[in-house]
Amino acid sequence: MLTARLAGLRARAHARSYSTRNPDDFRPPWVYTASHLLTYTLIPSAILYCVFLADWGDRDHVFLHVRRWAAHQSSRFFSIDRDEAALASNTQSPPVQQEKK
């Protein structure tokens, strides 16, 4: 009960803070929240795109070392070592022992 009243008071104070800041502002408070969320998601997404996916040409560029490091890490993650390759190439399965009653 008390938390619901506090949440309601907080929401009204939040709405009032926007209306007292600029009385001619017609935008609802959710617009500001959406703007902040988009800012915090779109900017890092654009940076990651520019570093790892954008085509900067054939010449050396500042992101080349980061891309090489990421390619090395992904090739290490998706490859198997000699022991795993030997295990995978072994096509014979061990005999299954049945329990004796």
N, C-alpha and C. Protein backbone atom coordinates (compact mmCIF):
# COMPACT_ATOMS: atom_id res chain seq x y z
N MET A 1 0.83 -1.19 0.00
CA MET A 1 0.00 0.00 0.00
C MET A 1 0.87 1.25 0.00
N LEU A 2 1.82 1.26 0.92
CA LEU A 2 2.69 2.42 1.03
C LEU A 2 3.56 2.58 -0.23
N THR A 3 4.07 1.45 -0.75
CA THR A 3 4.91 1.54 -1.95
C THR A 3 4.10 2.00 -3.16
N ALA A 4 2.84 1.60 -3.25
CA ALA A 4 2.00 2.05 -4.36
C ALA A 4 1.76 3.55 -4.27
N ARG A 5 1.55 4.04 -3.05
CA ARG A 5 1.35 5.49 -2.89
C ARG A 5 2.62 6.25 -3.23
N LEU A 6 3.78 5.70 -2.79
CA LEU A 6 5.05 6.37 -3.10
C LEU A 6 5.32 6.36 -4.61
N ALA A 7 5.00 5.24 -5.27
CA ALA A 7 5.20 5.18 -6.71
C ALA A 7 4.31 6.18 -7.44
N GLY A 8 3.06 6.31 -6.97
CA GLY A 8 2.16 7.27 -7.57
C GLY A 8 2.62 8.70 -7.36
N LEU A 9 3.10 8.99 -6.16
CA LEU A 9 3.62 10.33 -5.87
C LEU A 9 4.87 10.62 -6.71
N ARG A 10 5.71 9.63 -6.84
CA ARG A 10 6.93 9.80 -7.62
C ARG A 10 6.59 10.05 -9.08
N ALA A 11 5.61 9.34 -9.61
CA ALA A 11 5.21 9.51 -11.02
C ALA A 11 4.61 10.90 -11.24
N ARG A 12 3.79 11.34 -10.29
CA ARG A 12 3.22 12.68 -10.44
C ARG A 12 4.28 13.77 -10.33
N ALA A 13 5.23 13.58 -9.42
CA ALA A 13 6.31 14.56 -9.29
C ALA A 13 7.18 14.56 -10.54
N HIS A 14 7.38 13.38 -11.11
CA HIS A 14 8.16 13.28 -12.34
C HIS A 14 7.46 14.02 -13.48
N ALA A 15 6.16 13.84 -13.60
CA ALA A 15 5.39 14.51 -14.65
C ALA A 15 5.37 16.02 -14.42
N ARG A 16 5.25 16.41 -13.15
CA ARG A 16 5.25 17.85 -12.84
C ARG A 16 6.60 18.48 -13.13
N SER A 17 7.69 17.74 -12.91
CA SER A 17 9.01 18.33 -13.15
C SER A 17 9.20 18.68 -14.62
N TYR A 18 8.64 17.87 -15.51
CA TYR A 18 8.74 18.19 -16.92
C TYR A 18 7.84 19.37 -17.28
N SER A 19 6.68 19.43 -16.68
CA SER A 19 5.78 20.52 -17.03
C SER A 19 6.25 21.84 -16.42
N THR A 20 6.90 21.79 -15.26
CA THR A 20 7.39 23.04 -14.67
C THR A 20 8.66 23.51 -15.34
N ARG A 21 9.39 22.59 -15.95
CA ARG A 21 10.61 22.98 -16.62
C ARG A 21 10.32 23.84 -17.85
N ASN A 22 9.33 23.42 -18.62
CA ASN A 22 8.95 24.17 -19.81
C ASN A 22 7.45 23.99 -20.00
N PRO A 23 6.66 24.97 -19.64
CA PRO A 23 5.20 24.79 -19.71
C PRO A 23 4.67 24.62 -21.14
N ASP A 24 5.43 25.03 -22.16
CA ASP A 24 4.98 24.87 -23.53
C ASP A 24 5.30 23.50 -24.11
N ASP A 25 5.99 22.67 -23.33
CA ASP A 25 6.37 21.35 -23.82
C ASP A 25 5.16 20.43 -23.81
N PHE A 26 4.80 19.90 -24.97
CA PHE A 26 3.61 19.08 -25.11
C PHE A 26 3.92 17.59 -25.02
N ARG A 27 5.20 17.21 -24.94
CA ARG A 27 5.58 15.80 -24.96
C ARG A 27 5.32 15.14 -23.61
N PRO A 28 4.83 13.93 -23.63
CA PRO A 28 4.63 13.20 -22.37
C PRO A 28 5.98 12.72 -21.82
N PRO A 29 6.03 12.39 -20.55
CA PRO A 29 7.30 11.98 -19.93
C PRO A 29 7.92 10.73 -20.54
N TRP A 30 7.14 9.82 -21.14
CA TRP A 30 7.72 8.61 -21.70
C TRP A 30 8.62 8.91 -22.88
N VAL A 31 8.43 10.07 -23.52
CA VAL A 31 9.28 10.43 -24.65
C VAL A 31 10.72 10.63 -24.17
N TYR A 32 10.88 11.23 -23.00
CA TYR A 32 12.22 11.45 -22.46
C TYR A 32 12.87 10.13 -22.06
N THR A 33 12.08 9.23 -21.50
CA THR A 33 12.61 7.92 -21.13
C THR A 33 13.03 7.14 -22.37
N ALA A 34 12.21 7.15 -23.39
CA ALA A 34 12.55 6.46 -24.63
C ALA A 34 13.78 7.07 -25.28
N SER A 35 13.90 8.37 -25.20
CA SER A 35 15.07 9.04 -25.76
C SER A 35 16.34 8.61 -25.06
N HIS A 36 16.29 8.53 -23.74
CA HIS A 36 17.47 8.09 -23.00
C HIS A 36 17.82 6.64 -23.31
N LEU A 37 16.81 5.78 -23.38
CA LEU A 37 17.08 4.38 -23.68
C LEU A 37 17.67 4.21 -25.07
N LEU A 38 17.13 4.92 -26.04
CA LEU A 38 17.67 4.83 -27.39
C LEU A 38 19.09 5.38 -27.47
N THR A 39 19.36 6.43 -26.72
CA THR A 39 20.71 6.99 -26.69
C THR A 39 21.71 5.97 -26.17
N TYR A 40 21.33 5.27 -25.10
CA TYR A 40 22.25 4.32 -24.48
C TYR A 40 22.36 3.01 -25.26
N THR A 41 21.49 2.76 -26.22
CA THR A 41 21.61 1.55 -27.03
C THR A 41 22.13 1.82 -28.44
N LEU A 42 21.72 2.91 -29.04
CA LEU A 42 22.12 3.17 -30.42
C LEU A 42 23.58 3.60 -30.55
N ILE A 43 24.07 4.39 -29.62
CA ILE A 43 25.45 4.86 -29.73
C ILE A 43 26.44 3.71 -29.58
N PRO A 44 26.32 2.84 -28.55
CA PRO A 44 27.25 1.70 -28.51
C PRO A 44 27.09 0.76 -29.70
N SER A 45 25.86 0.60 -30.20
CA SER A 45 25.66 -0.24 -31.38
C SER A 45 26.37 0.34 -32.60
N ALA A 46 26.30 1.63 -32.76
CA ALA A 46 26.98 2.28 -33.89
C ALA A 46 28.50 2.15 -33.76
N ILE A 47 29.01 2.26 -32.54
CA ILE A 47 30.45 2.11 -32.33
C ILE A 47 30.89 0.69 -32.66
N LEU A 48 30.15 -0.30 -32.17
CA LEU A 48 30.50 -1.69 -32.47
C LEU A 48 30.43 -1.98 -33.97
N TYR A 49 29.43 -1.42 -34.63
CA TYR A 49 29.33 -1.61 -36.07
C TYR A 49 30.54 -1.01 -36.79
N CYS A 50 30.91 0.20 -36.41
CA CYS A 50 32.04 0.86 -37.07
C CYS A 50 33.36 0.13 -36.82
N VAL A 51 33.53 -0.43 -35.63
CA VAL A 51 34.78 -1.12 -35.32
C VAL A 51 34.85 -2.47 -36.00
N PHE A 52 33.78 -3.26 -35.95
CA PHE A 52 33.87 -4.65 -36.39
C PHE A 52 33.28 -4.93 -37.78
N LEU A 53 32.35 -4.16 -38.26
CA LEU A 53 31.65 -4.53 -39.50
C LEU A 53 31.83 -3.57 -40.67
N ALA A 54 32.07 -2.31 -40.41
CA ALA A 54 32.14 -1.33 -41.50
C ALA A 54 33.36 -1.60 -42.39
N ASP A 55 33.20 -1.35 -43.67
CA ASP A 55 34.27 -1.56 -44.63
C ASP A 55 35.10 -0.29 -44.74
N TRP A 56 36.34 -0.37 -44.26
CA TRP A 56 37.22 0.79 -44.28
C TRP A 56 38.24 0.71 -45.41
N GLY A 57 38.04 -0.18 -46.34
CA GLY A 57 38.94 -0.30 -47.48
C GLY A 57 40.03 -1.32 -47.22
N ASP A 58 40.93 -1.44 -48.21
CA ASP A 58 41.99 -2.44 -48.14
C ASP A 58 43.22 -1.96 -47.37
N ARG A 59 43.34 -0.67 -47.17
CA ARG A 59 44.51 -0.15 -46.47
C ARG A 59 44.40 -0.41 -44.97
N ASP A 60 45.52 -0.26 -44.28
CA ASP A 60 45.52 -0.39 -42.82
C ASP A 60 44.70 0.75 -42.22
N HIS A 61 43.98 0.44 -41.18
CA HIS A 61 43.19 1.45 -40.48
C HIS A 61 43.30 1.19 -38.99
N VAL A 62 42.76 2.09 -38.21
CA VAL A 62 42.95 2.06 -36.78
C VAL A 62 42.27 0.85 -36.12
N PHE A 63 41.25 0.29 -36.74
CA PHE A 63 40.53 -0.83 -36.15
C PHE A 63 41.07 -2.18 -36.61
N LEU A 64 42.11 -2.19 -37.40
CA LEU A 64 42.63 -3.44 -37.95
C LEU A 64 43.12 -4.39 -36.86
N HIS A 65 43.80 -3.87 -35.85
CA HIS A 65 44.32 -4.73 -34.78
C HIS A 65 43.19 -5.32 -33.94
N VAL A 66 42.17 -4.54 -33.71
CA VAL A 66 41.03 -5.03 -32.94
C VAL A 66 40.30 -6.11 -33.73
N ARG A 67 40.15 -5.91 -35.03
CA ARG A 67 39.50 -6.91 -35.86
C ARG A 67 40.31 -8.20 -35.93
N ARG A 68 41.65 -8.08 -36.02
CA ARG A 68 42.49 -9.29 -36.03
C ARG A 68 42.38 -10.03 -34.71
N TRP A 69 42.37 -9.31 -33.61
CA TRP A 69 42.24 -9.93 -32.30
C TRP A 69 40.90 -10.66 -32.19
N ALA A 70 39.82 -10.01 -32.62
CA ALA A 70 38.49 -10.63 -32.56
C ALA A 70 38.42 -11.86 -33.48
N ALA A 71 39.03 -11.79 -34.65
CA ALA A 71 39.03 -12.95 -35.55
C ALA A 71 39.82 -14.10 -34.94
N HIS A 72 40.93 -13.80 -34.29
CA HIS A 72 41.72 -14.83 -33.63
C HIS A 72 40.93 -15.48 -32.50
N GLN A 73 40.26 -14.67 -31.69
CA GLN A 73 39.47 -15.20 -30.58
C GLN A 73 38.32 -16.07 -31.08
N SER A 74 37.65 -15.63 -32.13
CA SER A 74 36.53 -16.42 -32.64
C SER A 74 37.02 -17.72 -33.29
N SER A 75 38.17 -17.68 -33.97
CA SER A 75 38.69 -18.92 -34.56
C SER A 75 39.13 -19.89 -33.47
N ARG A 76 39.68 -19.38 -32.37
CA ARG A 76 40.03 -20.25 -31.25
C ARG A 76 38.79 -20.85 -30.61
N PHE A 77 37.73 -20.08 -30.53
CA PHE A 77 36.50 -20.55 -29.90
C PHE A 77 35.81 -21.62 -30.74
N PHE A 78 35.79 -21.43 -32.05
CA PHE A 78 35.04 -22.33 -32.93
C PHE A 78 35.89 -23.46 -33.51
N SER A 79 37.16 -23.58 -33.12
CA SER A 79 37.98 -24.67 -33.62
C SER A 79 38.14 -25.74 -32.55
N ILE A 80 38.63 -26.90 -32.98
CA ILE A 80 38.87 -27.97 -32.03
C ILE A 80 40.36 -28.32 -32.05
N ASP A 81 40.87 -28.82 -30.93
CA ASP A 81 42.28 -29.18 -30.87
C ASP A 81 42.48 -30.62 -31.35
N ARG A 82 43.72 -31.10 -31.28
CA ARG A 82 44.03 -32.42 -31.82
C ARG A 82 43.29 -33.53 -31.08
N ASP A 83 43.22 -33.43 -29.77
CA ASP A 83 42.54 -34.47 -28.99
C ASP A 83 41.05 -34.54 -29.35
N GLU A 84 40.43 -33.40 -29.50
CA GLU A 84 39.01 -33.38 -29.87
C GLU A 84 38.82 -33.89 -31.30
N ALA A 85 39.75 -33.57 -32.20
CA ALA A 85 39.65 -34.06 -33.58
C ALA A 85 39.80 -35.58 -33.62
N ALA A 86 40.72 -36.11 -32.81
CA ALA A 86 40.89 -37.56 -32.77
C ALA A 86 39.65 -38.23 -32.19
N LEU A 87 39.08 -37.63 -31.20
CA LEU A 87 37.87 -38.17 -30.61
C LEU A 87 36.71 -38.12 -31.60
N ALA A 88 36.62 -37.04 -32.37
CA ALA A 88 35.54 -36.91 -33.35
C ALA A 88 35.74 -37.84 -34.54
N SER A 89 37.00 -38.14 -34.89
CA SER A 89 37.25 -39.01 -36.04
C SER A 89 37.06 -40.48 -35.70
N ASN A 90 37.05 -40.81 -34.45
CA ASN A 90 36.82 -42.19 -34.03
C ASN A 90 35.35 -42.52 -34.25
N THR A 91 35.09 -43.32 -35.27
CA THR A 91 33.69 -43.61 -35.61
C THR A 91 33.14 -44.81 -34.87
N GLN A 92 34.01 -45.60 -34.28
CA GLN A 92 33.53 -46.76 -33.54
C GLN A 92 33.07 -46.34 -32.16
N SER A 93 31.89 -46.74 -31.82
CA SER A 93 31.40 -46.43 -30.49
C SER A 93 31.74 -47.59 -29.57
N PRO A 94 32.02 -47.31 -28.33
CA PRO A 94 32.35 -48.39 -27.40
C PRO A 94 31.13 -49.28 -27.18
N PRO A 95 31.37 -50.56 -26.94
CA PRO A 95 30.22 -51.45 -26.74
C PRO A 95 29.48 -51.09 -25.46
N VAL A 96 28.19 -51.21 -25.55
CA VAL A 96 27.35 -50.89 -24.40
C VAL A 96 27.20 -52.16 -23.55
N GLN A 97 27.51 -52.03 -22.30
CA GLN A 97 27.41 -53.17 -21.42
C GLN A 97 26.02 -53.20 -20.81
N GLN A 98 25.40 -54.34 -20.89
CA GLN A 98 24.09 -54.47 -20.33
C GLN A 98 24.21 -55.04 -18.92
N GLU A 99 23.32 -54.59 -18.08
CA GLU A 99 23.31 -55.10 -16.71
C GLU A 99 22.78 -56.52 -16.69
N LYS A 100 23.43 -57.36 -15.90
CA LYS A 100 22.99 -58.75 -15.77
C LYS A 100 22.03 -58.84 -14.59
N LYS A 101 20.99 -59.59 -14.78
CA LYS A 101 20.00 -59.72 -13.71
C LYS A 101 20.22 -60.98 -12.93
